[in-house]
Amino acid sequence: MKGKELHSMTDEELKTKLGELKSELFNLRFRHASGQLDNPMTIATCKKDIARVNTVIRERELKAKG
């Protein structure tokens, strides 16, 4: 997921995407613990996507205040 894609989303879309990513991370961790995960790097990628979404949400909060 690219930053430009996130910046073009609305606030509601970002919150929905954040929920999807968190549930995906839970599923990835569960699959990793049970030994069914083929590529463990998908966990790191998912975490980075969550951080990107949180960053855009926080930028918008600060922009709205200031």
C-alpha atoms as a PDB file:
ATOM      1  CA  MET A   1       0.000   0.000   0.000  1.00  0.00           C
ATOM      2  CA  LYS A   2       1.371   3.371  -1.029  1.00  0.00           C
ATOM      3  CA  GLY A   3       1.087   6.637   0.845  1.00  0.00           C
ATOM      4  CA  LYS A   4      -0.600   8.355  -2.087  1.00  0.00           C
ATOM      5  CA  GLU A   5      -3.360   5.760  -2.025  1.00  0.00           C
ATOM      6  CA  LEU A   6      -3.931   6.403   1.669  1.00  0.00           C
ATOM      7  CA  HIS A   7      -3.977  10.178   1.316  1.00  0.00           C
ATOM      8  CA  SER A   8      -6.706   9.916  -1.317  1.00  0.00           C
ATOM      9  CA  MET A   9      -8.990   7.929   1.022  1.00  0.00           C
ATOM     10  CA  THR A  10     -11.638   9.490   3.249  1.00  0.00           C
ATOM     11  CA  ASP A  11     -11.524   9.255   7.034  1.00  0.00           C
ATOM     12  CA  GLU A  12     -14.148   6.512   7.118  1.00  0.00           C
ATOM     13  CA  GLU A  13     -12.309   4.500   4.474  1.00  0.00           C
ATOM     14  CA  LEU A  14      -9.098   4.794   6.503  1.00  0.00           C
ATOM     15  CA  LYS A  15     -10.809   3.539   9.651  1.00  0.00           C
ATOM     16  CA  THR A  16     -12.307   0.633   7.718  1.00  0.00           C
ATOM     17  CA  LYS A  17      -8.920  -0.185   6.187  1.00  0.00           C
ATOM     18  CA  LEU A  18      -7.303  -0.059   9.632  1.00  0.00           C
ATOM     19  CA  GLY A  19      -9.810  -2.580  10.956  1.00  0.00           C
ATOM     20  CA  GLU A  20      -9.215  -4.869   7.988  1.00  0.00           C
ATOM     21  CA  LEU A  21      -5.455  -4.700   8.439  1.00  0.00           C
ATOM     22  CA  LYS A  22      -5.665  -5.442  12.152  1.00  0.00           C
ATOM     23  CA  SER A  23      -7.820  -8.505  11.544  1.00  0.00           C
ATOM     24  CA  GLU A  24      -5.437  -9.608   8.796  1.00  0.00           C
ATOM     25  CA  LEU A  25      -2.491  -9.237  11.194  1.00  0.00           C
ATOM     26  CA  PHE A  26      -4.319 -11.361  13.764  1.00  0.00           C
ATOM     27  CA  ASN A  27      -4.905 -14.070  11.162  1.00  0.00           C
ATOM     28  CA  LEU A  28      -1.282 -13.942  10.010  1.00  0.00           C
ATOM     29  CA  ARG A  29      -0.015 -14.295  13.578  1.00  0.00           C
ATOM     30  CA  PHE A  30      -2.359 -17.204  14.183  1.00  0.00           C
ATOM     31  CA  ARG A  31      -1.202 -18.948  11.006  1.00  0.00           C
ATOM     32  CA  HIS A  32       2.441 -18.301  11.927  1.00  0.00           C
ATOM     33  CA  ALA A  33       1.980 -19.810  15.380  1.00  0.00           C
ATOM     34  CA  SER A  34       0.369 -22.912  13.912  1.00  0.00           C
ATOM     35  CA  GLY A  35       3.124 -23.267  11.298  1.00  0.00           C
ATOM     36  CA  GLN A  36       0.913 -22.658   8.264  1.00  0.00           C
ATOM     37  CA  LEU A  37       2.411 -19.338   7.181  1.00  0.00           C
ATOM     38  CA  ASP A  38       4.530 -19.619   4.036  1.00  0.00           C
ATOM     39  CA  ASN A  39       6.135 -16.172   4.069  1.00  0.00           C
ATOM     40  CA  PRO A  40       6.726 -14.600   7.511  1.00  0.00           C
ATOM     41  CA  MET A  41       7.562 -11.249   5.881  1.00  0.00           C
ATOM     42  CA  THR A  42       3.846 -10.710   5.290  1.00  0.00           C
ATOM     43  CA  ILE A  43       3.547  -9.980   9.023  1.00  0.00           C
ATOM     44  CA  ALA A  44       6.076  -7.149   8.765  1.00  0.00           C
ATOM     45  CA  THR A  45       4.394  -5.798   5.644  1.00  0.00           C
ATOM     46  CA  CYS A  46       1.030  -5.787   7.370  1.00  0.00           C
ATOM     47  CA  LYS A  47       2.483  -3.984  10.397  1.00  0.00           C
ATOM     48  CA  LYS A  48       3.991  -1.323   8.155  1.00  0.00           C
ATOM     49  CA  ASP A  49       0.658  -0.814   6.385  1.00  0.00           C
ATOM     50  CA  ILE A  50      -1.044  -0.360   9.764  1.00  0.00           C
ATOM     51  CA  ALA A  51       1.584   2.224  10.704  1.00  0.00           C
ATOM     52  CA  ARG A  52       1.036   4.080   7.417  1.00  0.00           C
ATOM     53  CA  VAL A  53      -2.718   4.239   7.986  1.00  0.00           C
ATOM     54  CA  ASN A  54      -2.234   5.428  11.563  1.00  0.00           C
ATOM     55  CA  THR A  55       0.188   8.100  10.359  1.00  0.00           C
ATOM     56  CA  VAL A  56      -2.285   9.489   7.822  1.00  0.00           C
ATOM     57  CA  ILE A  57      -5.070   9.490  10.420  1.00  0.00           C
ATOM     58  CA  ARG A  58      -2.843  11.344  12.890  1.00  0.00           C
ATOM     59  CA  GLU A  59      -1.734  13.875  10.249  1.00  0.00           C
ATOM     60  CA  ARG A  60      -5.378  14.691   9.556  1.00  0.00           C
ATOM     61  CA  GLU A  61      -6.121  15.071  13.276  1.00  0.00           C
ATOM     62  CA  LEU A  62      -3.258  17.521  13.686  1.00  0.00           C
ATOM     63  CA  LYS A  63      -4.236  19.412  10.545  1.00  0.00           C
ATOM     64  CA  ALA A  64      -7.800  19.782  11.825  1.00  0.00           C
ATOM     65  CA  LYS A  65      -6.604  21.181  15.165  1.00  0.00           C
ATOM     66  CA  GLY A  66      -4.114  23.640  13.764  1.00  0.00           C
END
